[in-house]
């Protein structure tokens, strides 16, 4: 098993079952994590659909 997959719960077209299953848990952490990276590039993450 890949522990990163469970923590990040990446949304995949092939794995539609994961799409909603982990999203609520991951959403806040993922947005915070990606915002930190995106701020370095001067971009703003406005919509979770960008994931």
N, C-alpha and C. Protein backbone atom coordinates (compact mmCIF):
# COMPACT_ATOMS: atom_id res chain seq x y z
N UNK A 1 0.83 -1.21 0.00
CA UNK A 1 0.00 0.00 0.00
C UNK A 1 0.87 1.25 0.00
N UNK A 2 0.35 2.27 -0.62
CA UNK A 2 1.06 3.55 -0.66
C UNK A 2 0.43 4.49 0.37
N UNK A 3 1.11 4.78 1.48
CA UNK A 3 0.53 5.64 2.52
C UNK A 3 0.21 7.03 2.00
N UNK A 4 0.99 7.50 1.04
CA UNK A 4 0.75 8.83 0.49
C UNK A 4 -0.60 8.88 -0.21
N UNK A 5 -0.97 7.78 -0.86
CA UNK A 5 -2.25 7.75 -1.58
C UNK A 5 -3.42 7.93 -0.61
N UNK A 6 -3.30 7.33 0.58
CA UNK A 6 -4.38 7.43 1.56
C UNK A 6 -4.45 8.84 2.15
N UNK A 7 -3.31 9.47 2.33
CA UNK A 7 -3.28 10.80 2.93
C UNK A 7 -3.75 11.86 1.94
N UNK A 8 -3.26 11.77 0.72
CA UNK A 8 -3.58 12.79 -0.28
C UNK A 8 -4.87 12.47 -1.01
N UNK A 9 -5.17 11.17 -1.16
CA UNK A 9 -6.40 10.74 -1.83
C UNK A 9 -6.56 11.44 -3.17
N UNK A 10 -5.55 11.29 -4.01
CA UNK A 10 -5.60 11.91 -5.32
C UNK A 10 -6.80 11.41 -6.10
N UNK A 11 -7.45 12.33 -6.79
CA UNK A 11 -8.65 11.96 -7.55
C UNK A 11 -8.22 11.49 -8.93
N UNK A 12 -8.60 10.27 -9.27
CA UNK A 12 -8.20 9.67 -10.53
C UNK A 12 -9.43 9.28 -11.33
N UNK A 13 -9.30 9.41 -12.63
CA UNK A 13 -10.41 9.03 -13.51
C UNK A 13 -10.63 7.52 -13.43
N UNK A 14 -9.54 6.78 -13.26
CA UNK A 14 -9.63 5.32 -13.20
C UNK A 14 -10.25 4.86 -11.88
N UNK A 15 -9.97 5.61 -10.82
CA UNK A 15 -10.45 5.22 -9.49
C UNK A 15 -11.60 6.13 -9.05
N UNK A 16 -12.73 6.00 -9.70
CA UNK A 16 -13.87 6.87 -9.39
C UNK A 16 -14.38 6.66 -7.98
N UNK A 17 -14.14 5.49 -7.41
CA UNK A 17 -14.61 5.21 -6.06
C UNK A 17 -13.92 6.10 -5.03
N UNK A 18 -12.67 6.51 -5.32
CA UNK A 18 -11.93 7.34 -4.38
C UNK A 18 -12.34 8.80 -4.48
N UNK A 19 -13.02 9.14 -5.56
CA UNK A 19 -13.31 10.54 -5.86
C UNK A 19 -13.96 11.28 -4.70
N UNK A 20 -14.99 10.66 -4.10
CA UNK A 20 -15.74 11.33 -3.04
C UNK A 20 -15.36 10.77 -1.66
N UNK A 21 -14.87 9.55 -1.63
CA UNK A 21 -14.62 8.85 -0.38
C UNK A 21 -13.73 9.63 0.58
N UNK A 22 -12.60 10.12 0.08
CA UNK A 22 -11.64 10.78 0.96
C UNK A 22 -11.66 12.29 0.81
N UNK A 23 -12.48 12.80 -0.11
CA UNK A 23 -12.39 14.21 -0.48
C UNK A 23 -12.59 15.14 0.71
N UNK A 24 -13.63 14.93 1.52
CA UNK A 24 -13.92 15.85 2.62
C UNK A 24 -12.79 15.89 3.64
N UNK A 25 -12.19 14.73 3.93
CA UNK A 25 -11.09 14.68 4.89
C UNK A 25 -9.87 15.39 4.34
N UNK A 26 -9.64 15.20 3.06
CA UNK A 26 -8.40 15.67 2.44
C UNK A 26 -8.49 17.13 2.03
N UNK A 27 -9.69 17.59 1.73
CA UNK A 27 -9.87 18.90 1.11
C UNK A 27 -9.13 20.02 1.85
N UNK A 28 -9.35 20.15 3.16
CA UNK A 28 -8.73 21.24 3.91
C UNK A 28 -7.21 21.13 3.90
N UNK A 29 -6.70 19.93 4.20
CA UNK A 29 -5.25 19.74 4.25
C UNK A 29 -4.64 19.95 2.87
N UNK A 30 -5.31 19.45 1.85
CA UNK A 30 -4.78 19.56 0.49
C UNK A 30 -4.72 21.02 0.05
N UNK A 31 -5.77 21.76 0.34
CA UNK A 31 -5.80 23.17 -0.05
C UNK A 31 -4.69 23.93 0.65
N UNK A 32 -4.50 23.68 1.94
CA UNK A 32 -3.43 24.36 2.68
C UNK A 32 -2.08 24.01 2.09
N UNK A 33 -1.88 22.73 1.80
CA UNK A 33 -0.61 22.26 1.28
C UNK A 33 -0.32 22.86 -0.10
N UNK A 34 -1.32 22.81 -0.98
CA UNK A 34 -1.14 23.32 -2.33
C UNK A 34 -1.04 24.84 -2.34
N UNK A 35 -1.75 25.52 -1.46
CA UNK A 35 -1.66 26.97 -1.39
C UNK A 35 -0.25 27.41 -1.05
N UNK A 36 0.41 26.68 -0.14
CA UNK A 36 1.78 27.01 0.22
C UNK A 36 2.68 26.93 -1.00
N UNK A 37 2.51 25.89 -1.80
CA UNK A 37 3.32 25.73 -3.00
C UNK A 37 2.97 26.77 -4.05
N UNK A 38 1.67 27.02 -4.20
CA UNK A 38 1.19 27.93 -5.24
C UNK A 38 1.57 29.37 -4.92
N UNK A 39 1.59 29.72 -3.64
CA UNK A 39 1.96 31.09 -3.26
C UNK A 39 3.37 31.42 -3.74
N UNK A 40 4.24 30.41 -3.80
CA UNK A 40 5.60 30.63 -4.26
C UNK A 40 5.61 31.10 -5.71
N UNK A 41 4.62 30.66 -6.47
CA UNK A 41 4.54 31.02 -7.89
C UNK A 41 3.63 32.23 -8.12
N UNK A 42 3.07 32.77 -7.05
CA UNK A 42 2.22 33.94 -7.16
C UNK A 42 0.84 33.63 -7.69
N UNK A 43 0.40 32.40 -7.53
CA UNK A 43 -0.92 32.00 -8.00
C UNK A 43 -1.86 31.80 -6.82
N UNK A 44 -3.14 31.86 -7.08
CA UNK A 44 -4.13 31.66 -6.02
C UNK A 44 -5.01 30.47 -6.37
N UNK A 45 -5.14 29.56 -5.43
CA UNK A 45 -6.00 28.40 -5.64
C UNK A 45 -7.43 28.78 -5.26
N UNK A 46 -8.26 29.01 -6.25
CA UNK A 46 -9.61 29.50 -6.01
C UNK A 46 -10.64 28.38 -5.98
N UNK A 47 -10.36 27.29 -6.67
CA UNK A 47 -11.38 26.26 -6.82
C UNK A 47 -10.77 24.89 -6.61
N UNK A 48 -11.37 24.08 -5.76
CA UNK A 48 -10.85 22.74 -5.48
C UNK A 48 -10.86 21.86 -6.72
N UNK A 49 -11.62 22.24 -7.75
CA UNK A 49 -11.66 21.44 -8.97
C UNK A 49 -10.32 21.45 -9.69
N UNK A 50 -9.45 22.39 -9.31
CA UNK A 50 -8.13 22.46 -9.93
C UNK A 50 -7.29 21.24 -9.59
N UNK A 51 -7.69 20.51 -8.53
CA UNK A 51 -6.97 19.30 -8.18
C UNK A 51 -7.25 18.25 -9.23
